[in-house]
N, C-alpha and C. Protein backbone atom coordinates (compact mmCIF):
# COMPACT_ATOMS: atom_id res chain seq x y z
N MET A 1 50.19 129.93 127.46
CA MET A 1 50.46 128.56 127.02
C MET A 1 51.80 128.06 127.53
N SER A 2 52.82 128.92 127.45
CA SER A 2 54.16 128.54 127.90
C SER A 2 54.16 128.30 129.41
N GLY A 3 53.32 129.09 130.12
CA GLY A 3 53.22 128.90 131.57
C GLY A 3 52.65 127.54 131.92
N ILE A 4 51.64 127.12 131.15
CA ILE A 4 51.02 125.80 131.38
C ILE A 4 52.03 124.70 131.12
N LEU A 5 52.77 124.85 130.01
CA LEU A 5 53.78 123.85 129.67
C LEU A 5 54.87 123.79 130.73
N SER A 6 55.22 124.97 131.24
CA SER A 6 56.26 125.03 132.27
C SER A 6 55.79 124.33 133.54
N THR A 7 54.52 124.59 133.92
CA THR A 7 53.97 123.95 135.12
C THR A 7 53.87 122.45 134.95
N THR A 8 53.44 122.02 133.75
CA THR A 8 53.33 120.58 133.46
C THR A 8 54.70 119.92 133.52
N GLY A 9 55.69 120.62 132.93
CA GLY A 9 57.05 120.08 132.94
C GLY A 9 57.60 119.97 134.35
N MET A 10 57.35 120.96 135.19
CA MET A 10 57.81 120.94 136.57
C MET A 10 57.14 119.80 137.34
N SER A 11 55.85 119.62 137.12
CA SER A 11 55.11 118.55 137.81
C SER A 11 55.67 117.18 137.44
N SER A 12 55.98 117.02 136.14
CA SER A 12 56.53 115.74 135.68
C SER A 12 57.90 115.46 136.29
N VAL A 13 58.73 116.48 136.32
CA VAL A 13 60.08 116.34 136.88
C VAL A 13 60.02 116.01 138.36
N ILE A 14 59.18 116.74 139.09
CA ILE A 14 59.08 116.52 140.53
C ILE A 14 58.45 115.17 140.85
N MET A 15 57.47 114.74 140.05
CA MET A 15 56.86 113.43 140.28
C MET A 15 57.87 112.31 140.08
N THR A 16 58.69 112.43 139.05
CA THR A 16 59.74 111.43 138.80
C THR A 16 60.73 111.42 139.97
N ALA A 17 61.10 112.60 140.42
CA ALA A 17 62.04 112.71 141.54
C ALA A 17 61.44 112.14 142.82
N PHE A 18 60.15 112.36 143.02
CA PHE A 18 59.48 111.84 144.22
C PHE A 18 59.47 110.31 144.21
N LYS A 19 59.25 109.73 143.05
CA LYS A 19 59.30 108.27 142.93
C LYS A 19 60.69 107.74 143.26
N GLN A 20 61.71 108.48 142.82
CA GLN A 20 63.08 108.08 143.14
C GLN A 20 63.33 108.15 144.65
N THR A 21 62.81 109.20 145.28
CA THR A 21 62.95 109.34 146.74
C THR A 21 62.25 108.19 147.45
N LEU A 22 61.04 107.85 147.01
CA LEU A 22 60.31 106.72 147.60
C LEU A 22 61.11 105.43 147.46
N TYR A 23 61.68 105.24 146.28
CA TYR A 23 62.47 104.03 145.99
C TYR A 23 63.67 103.94 146.93
N MET A 24 64.40 105.03 147.07
CA MET A 24 65.58 105.03 147.96
C MET A 24 65.20 104.81 149.41
N VAL A 25 64.18 105.52 149.86
CA VAL A 25 63.77 105.44 151.27
C VAL A 25 63.21 104.06 151.61
N PHE A 26 62.40 103.50 150.72
CA PHE A 26 61.78 102.19 150.98
C PHE A 26 62.84 101.11 151.15
N TRP A 27 63.74 100.99 150.17
CA TRP A 27 64.72 99.91 150.21
C TRP A 27 65.76 100.11 151.30
N SER A 28 66.19 101.33 151.53
CA SER A 28 67.18 101.56 152.59
C SER A 28 66.55 101.33 153.97
N THR A 29 65.26 101.66 154.12
CA THR A 29 64.57 101.37 155.37
C THR A 29 64.47 99.87 155.60
N LEU A 30 64.05 99.14 154.57
CA LEU A 30 63.90 97.69 154.69
C LEU A 30 65.21 97.02 155.05
N PHE A 31 66.27 97.34 154.31
CA PHE A 31 67.57 96.71 154.55
C PHE A 31 68.14 97.08 155.92
N SER A 32 68.01 98.36 156.30
CA SER A 32 68.59 98.79 157.57
C SER A 32 67.84 98.21 158.76
N VAL A 33 66.52 98.06 158.65
CA VAL A 33 65.74 97.46 159.74
C VAL A 33 66.13 96.00 159.93
N ILE A 34 66.26 95.28 158.82
CA ILE A 34 66.64 93.87 158.91
C ILE A 34 68.05 93.72 159.47
N LEU A 35 68.99 94.48 158.92
CA LEU A 35 70.39 94.36 159.34
C LEU A 35 70.63 95.01 160.71
N GLY A 36 69.86 96.03 161.04
CA GLY A 36 70.03 96.70 162.33
C GLY A 36 69.44 95.91 163.49
N PHE A 37 68.48 95.04 163.19
CA PHE A 37 67.84 94.24 164.23
C PHE A 37 68.83 93.25 164.84
N ILE A 38 69.76 92.77 164.03
CA ILE A 38 70.73 91.76 164.50
C ILE A 38 71.64 92.32 165.59
N PRO A 39 72.36 93.42 165.35
CA PRO A 39 73.20 93.96 166.43
C PRO A 39 72.38 94.43 167.63
N ALA A 40 71.15 94.86 167.40
CA ALA A 40 70.29 95.29 168.52
C ALA A 40 70.01 94.12 169.45
N ILE A 41 69.75 92.95 168.87
CA ILE A 41 69.49 91.75 169.66
C ILE A 41 70.76 91.34 170.43
N ILE A 42 71.90 91.39 169.75
CA ILE A 42 73.17 91.02 170.39
C ILE A 42 73.48 91.97 171.55
N LEU A 43 73.29 93.27 171.33
CA LEU A 43 73.53 94.26 172.38
C LEU A 43 72.60 94.03 173.58
N THR A 44 71.35 93.71 173.30
CA THR A 44 70.38 93.47 174.37
C THR A 44 70.74 92.24 175.18
N LEU A 45 71.16 91.18 174.49
CA LEU A 45 71.51 89.93 175.18
C LEU A 45 72.78 90.07 176.01
N THR A 46 73.77 90.80 175.47
CA THR A 46 75.08 90.87 176.13
C THR A 46 75.24 92.06 177.06
N ALA A 47 74.20 92.89 177.19
CA ALA A 47 74.25 94.04 178.09
C ALA A 47 74.41 93.58 179.53
N PRO A 48 74.89 94.44 180.41
CA PRO A 48 75.08 94.05 181.82
C PRO A 48 73.82 93.46 182.46
N ASP A 49 72.64 93.95 182.02
CA ASP A 49 71.39 93.45 182.57
C ASP A 49 70.69 92.50 181.59
N GLY A 50 71.43 92.00 180.61
CA GLY A 50 70.85 91.14 179.60
C GLY A 50 70.75 89.69 180.02
N LEU A 51 70.25 88.86 179.11
CA LEU A 51 70.08 87.43 179.40
C LEU A 51 71.42 86.70 179.37
N LYS A 52 72.36 87.20 178.58
CA LYS A 52 73.69 86.59 178.47
C LYS A 52 74.75 87.69 178.57
N PRO A 53 74.96 88.26 179.72
CA PRO A 53 75.91 89.38 179.86
C PRO A 53 77.31 89.02 179.36
N ASN A 54 77.86 89.90 178.54
CA ASN A 54 79.22 89.70 178.03
C ASN A 54 79.79 91.09 177.74
N LYS A 55 80.56 91.58 178.69
CA LYS A 55 81.06 92.95 178.60
C LYS A 55 81.92 93.18 177.37
N PHE A 56 82.77 92.20 177.02
CA PHE A 56 83.68 92.37 175.88
C PHE A 56 82.88 92.53 174.58
N VAL A 57 81.96 91.63 174.32
CA VAL A 57 81.16 91.68 173.09
C VAL A 57 80.34 92.96 173.06
N TYR A 58 79.72 93.30 174.19
CA TYR A 58 78.87 94.49 174.24
C TYR A 58 79.67 95.76 173.95
N GLU A 59 80.82 95.90 174.59
CA GLU A 59 81.63 97.11 174.43
C GLU A 59 82.18 97.25 173.01
N ILE A 60 82.63 96.14 172.43
CA ILE A 60 83.18 96.19 171.07
C ILE A 60 82.10 96.57 170.06
N LEU A 61 80.95 95.89 170.13
CA LEU A 61 79.86 96.17 169.20
C LEU A 61 79.32 97.58 169.39
N SER A 62 79.23 97.99 170.64
CA SER A 62 78.75 99.34 170.93
C SER A 62 79.71 100.40 170.37
N PHE A 63 81.00 100.14 170.47
CA PHE A 63 82.01 101.06 169.94
C PHE A 63 81.89 101.17 168.41
N ILE A 64 81.73 100.04 167.74
CA ILE A 64 81.60 100.04 166.28
C ILE A 64 80.38 100.85 165.84
N ILE A 65 79.26 100.64 166.53
CA ILE A 65 78.05 101.38 166.20
C ILE A 65 78.24 102.87 166.41
N ASN A 66 78.89 103.23 167.50
CA ASN A 66 79.14 104.65 167.78
C ASN A 66 80.05 105.29 166.74
N VAL A 67 81.02 104.53 166.26
CA VAL A 67 81.94 105.05 165.23
C VAL A 67 81.17 105.39 163.97
N PHE A 68 80.33 104.48 163.51
CA PHE A 68 79.58 104.72 162.27
C PHE A 68 78.54 105.82 162.45
N ARG A 69 78.01 105.96 163.66
CA ARG A 69 77.04 107.02 163.92
C ARG A 69 77.71 108.39 163.95
N SER A 70 79.02 108.41 164.14
CA SER A 70 79.75 109.68 164.24
C SER A 70 79.99 110.34 162.89
N PHE A 71 79.92 109.56 161.80
CA PHE A 71 80.20 110.10 160.48
C PHE A 71 79.01 110.91 159.96
N PRO A 72 79.23 112.17 159.57
CA PRO A 72 78.18 112.90 158.85
C PRO A 72 77.86 112.16 157.55
N PHE A 73 76.59 112.14 157.18
CA PHE A 73 76.18 111.34 156.03
C PHE A 73 76.90 111.74 154.75
N ILE A 74 77.10 113.02 154.54
CA ILE A 74 77.72 113.47 153.29
C ILE A 74 79.15 112.95 153.17
N ILE A 75 79.86 112.82 154.32
CA ILE A 75 81.22 112.27 154.30
C ILE A 75 81.17 110.76 154.09
N LEU A 76 80.24 110.09 154.76
CA LEU A 76 80.08 108.65 154.60
C LEU A 76 79.74 108.30 153.16
N LEU A 77 78.98 109.17 152.53
CA LEU A 77 78.58 108.99 151.14
C LEU A 77 79.80 108.87 150.23
N VAL A 78 80.80 109.71 150.49
CA VAL A 78 82.02 109.72 149.68
C VAL A 78 82.93 108.55 150.06
N ILE A 79 83.07 108.31 151.36
CA ILE A 79 83.95 107.23 151.82
C ILE A 79 83.52 105.87 151.28
N LEU A 80 82.20 105.68 151.15
CA LEU A 80 81.66 104.38 150.75
C LEU A 80 81.60 104.17 149.24
N ILE A 81 82.11 105.12 148.46
CA ILE A 81 82.04 104.99 147.00
C ILE A 81 82.65 103.67 146.50
N PRO A 82 83.85 103.27 146.96
CA PRO A 82 84.38 101.97 146.49
C PRO A 82 83.49 100.79 146.88
N PHE A 83 82.98 100.81 148.12
CA PHE A 83 82.10 99.73 148.57
C PHE A 83 80.80 99.71 147.78
N THR A 84 80.25 100.90 147.52
CA THR A 84 79.02 100.99 146.74
C THR A 84 79.21 100.44 145.34
N ARG A 85 80.35 100.77 144.74
CA ARG A 85 80.66 100.27 143.40
C ARG A 85 80.80 98.75 143.39
N MET A 86 81.37 98.21 144.47
CA MET A 86 81.54 96.77 144.57
C MET A 86 80.19 96.05 144.72
N VAL A 87 79.27 96.69 145.45
CA VAL A 87 77.97 96.05 145.73
C VAL A 87 77.02 96.13 144.54
N VAL A 88 76.88 97.32 143.96
CA VAL A 88 75.88 97.49 142.88
C VAL A 88 76.50 97.73 141.50
N GLY A 89 77.83 97.79 141.44
CA GLY A 89 78.48 97.96 140.15
C GLY A 89 78.65 99.39 139.69
N LYS A 90 78.16 100.33 140.48
CA LYS A 90 78.32 101.75 140.14
C LYS A 90 78.20 102.56 141.42
N SER A 91 78.68 103.79 141.38
CA SER A 91 78.66 104.63 142.58
C SER A 91 77.74 105.83 142.45
N ILE A 92 77.12 105.99 141.27
CA ILE A 92 76.23 107.12 141.03
C ILE A 92 74.87 106.60 140.58
N GLY A 93 73.82 107.23 141.04
CA GLY A 93 72.48 106.83 140.64
C GLY A 93 71.60 106.53 141.84
N THR A 94 70.33 106.36 141.57
CA THR A 94 69.35 106.14 142.64
C THR A 94 69.61 104.83 143.38
N THR A 95 69.86 103.77 142.63
CA THR A 95 70.12 102.46 143.26
C THR A 95 71.41 102.50 144.07
N ALA A 96 72.43 103.14 143.54
CA ALA A 96 73.70 103.22 144.25
C ALA A 96 73.55 103.98 145.57
N SER A 97 72.65 104.93 145.63
CA SER A 97 72.47 105.72 146.85
C SER A 97 71.90 104.89 147.99
N ILE A 98 71.25 103.79 147.67
CA ILE A 98 70.67 102.94 148.71
C ILE A 98 71.75 102.38 149.63
N VAL A 99 72.93 102.11 149.09
CA VAL A 99 74.01 101.51 149.88
C VAL A 99 74.45 102.44 151.01
N PRO A 100 74.89 103.68 150.74
CA PRO A 100 75.28 104.56 151.86
C PRO A 100 74.11 104.92 152.77
N LEU A 101 72.91 105.01 152.21
CA LEU A 101 71.74 105.29 153.04
C LEU A 101 71.53 104.16 154.05
N THR A 102 71.67 102.93 153.58
CA THR A 102 71.50 101.77 154.46
C THR A 102 72.59 101.70 155.52
N VAL A 103 73.83 101.90 155.08
CA VAL A 103 74.97 101.83 156.02
C VAL A 103 74.84 102.89 157.10
N SER A 104 74.40 104.08 156.73
CA SER A 104 74.26 105.16 157.72
C SER A 104 73.08 104.90 158.67
N ALA A 105 72.08 104.17 158.18
CA ALA A 105 70.87 103.95 158.98
C ALA A 105 71.01 102.76 159.94
N ILE A 106 71.85 101.79 159.60
CA ILE A 106 71.98 100.58 160.43
C ILE A 106 72.36 100.91 161.88
N PRO A 107 73.43 101.67 162.13
CA PRO A 107 73.78 101.96 163.54
C PRO A 107 72.71 102.77 164.26
N PHE A 108 72.03 103.64 163.52
CA PHE A 108 70.97 104.45 164.13
C PHE A 108 69.81 103.56 164.61
N ILE A 109 69.31 102.71 163.70
CA ILE A 109 68.16 101.88 164.07
C ILE A 109 68.57 100.78 165.04
N ALA A 110 69.81 100.33 164.98
CA ALA A 110 70.28 99.32 165.93
C ALA A 110 70.23 99.88 167.35
N ARG A 111 70.68 101.12 167.51
CA ARG A 111 70.67 101.75 168.83
C ARG A 111 69.23 102.02 169.30
N VAL A 112 68.38 102.43 168.37
CA VAL A 112 66.97 102.67 168.71
C VAL A 112 66.30 101.38 169.14
N PHE A 113 66.54 100.30 168.39
CA PHE A 113 65.96 99.01 168.74
C PHE A 113 66.49 98.51 170.08
N GLU A 114 67.79 98.69 170.30
CA GLU A 114 68.37 98.27 171.58
C GLU A 114 67.69 98.99 172.75
N THR A 115 67.54 100.29 172.62
CA THR A 115 66.89 101.08 173.67
C THR A 115 65.45 100.60 173.90
N SER A 116 64.74 100.34 172.81
CA SER A 116 63.36 99.88 172.91
C SER A 116 63.28 98.53 173.62
N LEU A 117 64.17 97.62 173.26
CA LEU A 117 64.18 96.29 173.85
C LEU A 117 64.52 96.34 175.34
N ARG A 118 65.48 97.17 175.69
CA ARG A 118 65.94 97.22 177.08
C ARG A 118 64.99 97.99 178.00
N GLU A 119 63.99 98.64 177.43
CA GLU A 119 62.97 99.31 178.23
C GLU A 119 61.87 98.36 178.67
N THR A 120 61.99 97.09 178.28
CA THR A 120 61.01 96.09 178.68
C THR A 120 60.98 95.98 180.21
N ASN A 121 59.79 95.90 180.76
CA ASN A 121 59.60 95.82 182.21
C ASN A 121 60.32 94.60 182.79
N PRO A 122 61.29 94.80 183.70
CA PRO A 122 62.00 93.67 184.30
C PRO A 122 61.08 92.68 185.01
N GLY A 123 59.96 93.19 185.52
CA GLY A 123 59.01 92.33 186.21
C GLY A 123 58.41 91.28 185.28
N VAL A 124 58.16 91.69 184.04
CA VAL A 124 57.61 90.75 183.05
C VAL A 124 58.64 89.68 182.72
N ILE A 125 59.90 90.09 182.63
CA ILE A 125 60.98 89.14 182.32
C ILE A 125 61.11 88.12 183.46
N GLU A 126 61.08 88.61 184.70
CA GLU A 126 61.19 87.71 185.85
C GLU A 126 60.00 86.77 185.92
N ALA A 127 58.83 87.27 185.56
CA ALA A 127 57.64 86.42 185.56
C ALA A 127 57.79 85.30 184.54
N ALA A 128 58.35 85.64 183.37
CA ALA A 128 58.56 84.62 182.34
C ALA A 128 59.58 83.58 182.81
N ARG A 129 60.60 84.03 183.50
CA ARG A 129 61.61 83.11 184.05
C ARG A 129 60.98 82.15 185.06
N SER A 130 60.10 82.69 185.88
CA SER A 130 59.48 81.86 186.92
C SER A 130 58.59 80.77 186.34
N PHE A 131 58.12 81.01 185.11
CA PHE A 131 57.30 80.00 184.44
C PHE A 131 58.16 79.02 183.63
N GLY A 132 59.47 79.16 183.74
CA GLY A 132 60.38 78.23 183.08
C GLY A 132 60.65 78.53 181.62
N ALA A 133 60.42 79.76 181.18
CA ALA A 133 60.67 80.13 179.78
C ALA A 133 62.17 80.14 179.50
N SER A 134 62.54 79.68 178.32
CA SER A 134 63.95 79.69 177.90
C SER A 134 64.36 81.11 177.52
N ASN A 135 65.66 81.32 177.37
CA ASN A 135 66.14 82.64 176.97
C ASN A 135 65.57 83.06 175.62
N PHE A 136 65.48 82.09 174.70
CA PHE A 136 64.94 82.40 173.37
C PHE A 136 63.47 82.80 173.47
N GLN A 137 62.71 82.09 174.29
CA GLN A 137 61.30 82.42 174.46
C GLN A 137 61.14 83.80 175.11
N ILE A 138 61.99 84.09 176.11
CA ILE A 138 61.94 85.41 176.74
C ILE A 138 62.28 86.50 175.74
N LEU A 139 63.29 86.23 174.92
CA LEU A 139 63.72 87.21 173.92
C LEU A 139 62.59 87.53 172.95
N MET A 140 61.98 86.49 172.38
CA MET A 140 60.98 86.69 171.33
C MET A 140 59.61 87.07 171.87
N ARG A 141 59.20 86.42 172.97
CA ARG A 141 57.84 86.61 173.46
C ARG A 141 57.70 87.71 174.51
N VAL A 142 58.80 88.13 175.06
CA VAL A 142 58.76 89.21 176.05
C VAL A 142 59.44 90.46 175.51
N TYR A 143 60.76 90.36 175.28
CA TYR A 143 61.51 91.52 174.80
C TYR A 143 60.92 92.08 173.50
N VAL A 144 60.89 91.24 172.47
CA VAL A 144 60.47 91.71 171.14
C VAL A 144 58.99 92.08 171.14
N LYS A 145 58.15 91.19 171.67
CA LYS A 145 56.71 91.44 171.64
C LYS A 145 56.33 92.71 172.39
N GLU A 146 56.93 92.92 173.57
CA GLU A 146 56.62 94.11 174.37
C GLU A 146 57.17 95.39 173.73
N SER A 147 58.18 95.24 172.89
CA SER A 147 58.87 96.42 172.34
C SER A 147 58.36 96.84 170.97
N ILE A 148 57.47 96.07 170.38
CA ILE A 148 57.04 96.36 169.00
C ILE A 148 56.52 97.79 168.82
N PRO A 149 55.64 98.30 169.69
CA PRO A 149 55.19 99.70 169.50
C PRO A 149 56.34 100.69 169.55
N ARG A 150 57.27 100.50 170.49
CA ARG A 150 58.42 101.42 170.60
C ARG A 150 59.33 101.30 169.38
N MET A 151 59.50 100.07 168.92
CA MET A 151 60.33 99.85 167.73
C MET A 151 59.69 100.47 166.50
N LEU A 152 58.38 100.42 166.44
CA LEU A 152 57.66 101.05 165.33
C LEU A 152 57.92 102.55 165.30
N ASN A 153 57.90 103.16 166.48
CA ASN A 153 58.22 104.59 166.57
C ASN A 153 59.63 104.86 166.05
N GLY A 154 60.55 103.95 166.37
CA GLY A 154 61.92 104.07 165.89
C GLY A 154 62.01 103.99 164.37
N VAL A 155 61.22 103.11 163.78
CA VAL A 155 61.22 102.98 162.32
C VAL A 155 60.69 104.25 161.67
N VAL A 156 59.67 104.86 162.29
CA VAL A 156 59.13 106.13 161.77
C VAL A 156 60.21 107.21 161.80
N LEU A 157 60.95 107.28 162.91
CA LEU A 157 62.06 108.25 163.00
C LEU A 157 63.11 107.96 161.94
N LEU A 158 63.37 106.67 161.72
CA LEU A 158 64.35 106.28 160.70
C LEU A 158 63.92 106.75 159.32
N ILE A 159 62.66 106.51 158.97
CA ILE A 159 62.15 106.91 157.65
C ILE A 159 62.29 108.41 157.45
N ILE A 160 61.93 109.17 158.48
CA ILE A 160 62.02 110.63 158.38
C ILE A 160 63.47 111.07 158.21
N SER A 161 64.39 110.41 158.93
CA SER A 161 65.82 110.72 158.78
C SER A 161 66.30 110.38 157.38
N LEU A 162 65.86 109.25 156.86
CA LEU A 162 66.29 108.82 155.52
C LEU A 162 65.75 109.73 154.43
N ILE A 163 64.59 110.32 154.66
CA ILE A 163 64.07 111.29 153.69
C ILE A 163 65.03 112.47 153.58
N GLY A 164 65.52 112.93 154.73
CA GLY A 164 66.50 114.01 154.73
C GLY A 164 67.82 113.59 154.11
N TYR A 165 68.28 112.38 154.43
CA TYR A 165 69.53 111.88 153.86
C TYR A 165 69.41 111.69 152.35
N SER A 166 68.24 111.24 151.90
CA SER A 166 68.06 111.03 150.45
C SER A 166 68.15 112.34 149.69
N ALA A 167 67.77 113.43 150.35
CA ALA A 167 67.91 114.74 149.71
C ALA A 167 69.38 115.08 149.51
N MET A 168 70.22 114.70 150.51
CA MET A 168 71.67 114.92 150.37
C MET A 168 72.27 114.01 149.32
N ALA A 169 71.70 112.83 149.14
CA ALA A 169 72.20 111.90 148.13
C ALA A 169 72.09 112.49 146.73
N GLY A 170 71.17 113.43 146.57
CA GLY A 170 71.02 114.09 145.27
C GLY A 170 72.23 114.90 144.88
N THR A 171 73.05 115.29 145.85
CA THR A 171 74.24 116.10 145.54
C THR A 171 75.30 115.31 144.80
N VAL A 172 75.23 113.97 144.87
CA VAL A 172 76.21 113.14 144.17
C VAL A 172 75.54 112.26 143.12
N GLY A 173 74.48 112.79 142.54
CA GLY A 173 73.82 112.07 141.43
C GLY A 173 72.87 110.99 141.87
N GLY A 174 72.36 111.07 143.10
CA GLY A 174 71.45 110.04 143.57
C GLY A 174 70.02 110.21 143.08
N GLY A 175 69.72 111.38 142.53
CA GLY A 175 68.36 111.63 142.09
C GLY A 175 67.47 112.01 143.27
N GLY A 176 66.17 112.04 143.03
CA GLY A 176 65.23 112.35 144.10
C GLY A 176 64.93 113.83 144.23
N ILE A 177 64.11 114.14 145.20
CA ILE A 177 63.65 115.52 145.41
C ILE A 177 64.82 116.46 145.70
N GLY A 178 65.79 116.00 146.48
CA GLY A 178 66.94 116.84 146.80
C GLY A 178 67.73 117.23 145.57
N ASP A 179 67.86 116.31 144.64
CA ASP A 179 68.58 116.57 143.39
C ASP A 179 67.89 117.66 142.58
N ILE A 180 66.56 117.59 142.51
CA ILE A 180 65.80 118.60 141.76
C ILE A 180 65.91 119.97 142.43
N ALA A 181 65.83 119.98 143.76
CA ALA A 181 65.93 121.25 144.49
C ALA A 181 67.27 121.92 144.24
N ILE A 182 68.34 121.12 144.19
CA ILE A 182 69.68 121.67 143.99
C ILE A 182 69.90 122.07 142.54
N ARG A 183 69.58 121.16 141.61
CA ARG A 183 69.87 121.42 140.18
C ARG A 183 69.02 122.55 139.61
N TYR A 184 67.72 122.51 139.90
CA TYR A 184 66.83 123.51 139.33
C TYR A 184 66.66 124.72 140.26
N GLY A 185 66.40 124.43 141.53
CA GLY A 185 66.12 125.52 142.45
C GLY A 185 67.32 126.36 142.81
N TYR A 186 68.46 125.70 143.09
CA TYR A 186 69.65 126.44 143.53
C TYR A 186 70.55 126.85 142.36
N GLN A 187 70.95 125.87 141.55
CA GLN A 187 71.92 126.15 140.49
C GLN A 187 71.32 126.96 139.34
N GLN A 188 70.03 126.78 139.06
CA GLN A 188 69.40 127.51 137.96
C GLN A 188 68.50 128.65 138.46
N TYR A 189 68.54 128.90 139.76
CA TYR A 189 67.82 130.03 140.36
C TYR A 189 66.31 129.99 140.09
N LYS A 190 65.74 128.79 140.06
CA LYS A 190 64.29 128.65 139.88
C LYS A 190 63.65 128.42 141.25
N THR A 191 63.27 129.51 141.86
CA THR A 191 62.76 129.47 143.23
C THR A 191 61.55 128.57 143.37
N GLU A 192 60.72 128.52 142.32
CA GLU A 192 59.50 127.71 142.41
C GLU A 192 59.80 126.23 142.65
N TYR A 193 60.93 125.76 142.12
CA TYR A 193 61.32 124.37 142.34
C TYR A 193 61.70 124.14 143.81
N LEU A 194 62.43 125.10 144.37
CA LEU A 194 62.80 124.99 145.78
C LEU A 194 61.56 124.95 146.67
N VAL A 195 60.60 125.82 146.37
CA VAL A 195 59.38 125.90 147.18
C VAL A 195 58.58 124.61 147.07
N VAL A 196 58.36 124.14 145.84
CA VAL A 196 57.55 122.94 145.64
C VAL A 196 58.24 121.71 146.24
N CYS A 197 59.55 121.59 146.04
CA CYS A 197 60.28 120.45 146.59
C CYS A 197 60.20 120.45 148.12
N SER A 198 60.33 121.62 148.71
CA SER A 198 60.24 121.73 150.17
C SER A 198 58.86 121.32 150.66
N LEU A 199 57.83 121.78 149.96
CA LEU A 199 56.45 121.44 150.35
C LEU A 199 56.18 119.94 150.21
N VAL A 200 56.73 119.35 149.15
CA VAL A 200 56.55 117.91 148.94
C VAL A 200 57.20 117.13 150.09
N LEU A 201 58.41 117.52 150.46
CA LEU A 201 59.11 116.82 151.54
C LEU A 201 58.40 117.01 152.88
N ILE A 202 57.91 118.21 153.14
CA ILE A 202 57.17 118.48 154.38
C ILE A 202 55.91 117.62 154.44
N ALA A 203 55.17 117.58 153.32
CA ALA A 203 53.94 116.78 153.27
C ALA A 203 54.25 115.30 153.45
N PHE A 204 55.33 114.84 152.86
CA PHE A 204 55.73 113.43 152.95
C PHE A 204 56.06 113.07 154.40
N VAL A 205 56.83 113.92 155.06
CA VAL A 205 57.21 113.67 156.45
C VAL A 205 55.97 113.67 157.35
N GLN A 206 55.07 114.62 157.13
CA GLN A 206 53.85 114.69 157.94
C GLN A 206 52.98 113.45 157.75
N LEU A 207 52.92 112.97 156.53
CA LEU A 207 52.14 111.77 156.23
C LEU A 207 52.72 110.55 156.94
N ILE A 208 54.04 110.40 156.87
CA ILE A 208 54.70 109.27 157.53
C ILE A 208 54.49 109.33 159.04
N GLN A 209 54.63 110.53 159.62
CA GLN A 209 54.46 110.69 161.06
C GLN A 209 53.02 110.39 161.48
N THR A 210 52.06 110.84 160.70
CA THR A 210 50.65 110.59 161.02
C THR A 210 50.33 109.11 160.97
N ILE A 211 50.79 108.43 159.93
CA ILE A 211 50.57 106.99 159.81
C ILE A 211 51.22 106.26 160.98
N GLY A 212 52.46 106.68 161.33
CA GLY A 212 53.16 106.07 162.44
C GLY A 212 52.42 106.25 163.76
N ASN A 213 51.88 107.44 163.99
CA ASN A 213 51.13 107.70 165.22
C ASN A 213 49.87 106.84 165.32
N ILE A 214 49.19 106.69 164.20
CA ILE A 214 47.97 105.87 164.17
C ILE A 214 48.30 104.41 164.47
N MET A 215 49.36 103.91 163.83
CA MET A 215 49.77 102.52 164.05
C MET A 215 50.23 102.29 165.47
N TYR A 216 50.93 103.28 166.04
CA TYR A 216 51.41 103.15 167.42
C TYR A 216 50.25 103.04 168.40
N LYS A 217 49.21 103.88 168.20
CA LYS A 217 48.06 103.86 169.08
C LYS A 217 47.32 102.52 168.99
N LYS A 218 47.21 101.99 167.77
CA LYS A 218 46.51 100.72 167.60
C LYS A 218 47.29 99.56 168.23
N MET A 219 48.61 99.58 168.05
CA MET A 219 49.43 98.48 168.57
C MET A 219 49.63 98.57 170.07
N SER A 220 49.53 99.78 170.63
CA SER A 220 49.68 99.94 172.06
C SER A 220 48.44 99.48 172.80
């Protein structure tokens, strides 16, 4: 009887933690994709081979992105505590973890989007120019439209990265699967929690990757 209760209790705890992980990953993905798309567009436009080349703007923005990408997430998590408190009113909790997760993801997805956009076939761009398309039309109807499958792949990579980052967020009270693995599996020496949490994360990543592959094939 106690074994059944223990299993039920573990299932309830892990299910709650999984919902917290979904919550963190969903919102941080949404915010980072929206905010990361902006610098990606600017980098694409101002690149040496872009529609509006501007070496100064490109180099400065590229440097800023590289700086933020250089920070290990666990360090960024601590550095951003004052900013997180200013944005959401607290620095601990599932909602608070969305802020550092988003900040860490923005430079990553911005660079991925930039790469995807700049892989657009130059011949297609020249063809659009020959038909008298404006820079805005080329940007939206050529660059963005042609890059959607590649950008989708980037979003899948982002989600998988954020799942790993969300596990680290558990070390500072962010909740989620990582928090359960550390509190119960590591600190309380309950190996079954470590095993189940690991399996849940593996299954989650595999599901996201499978869905991403299916969507990529359809959109391509």
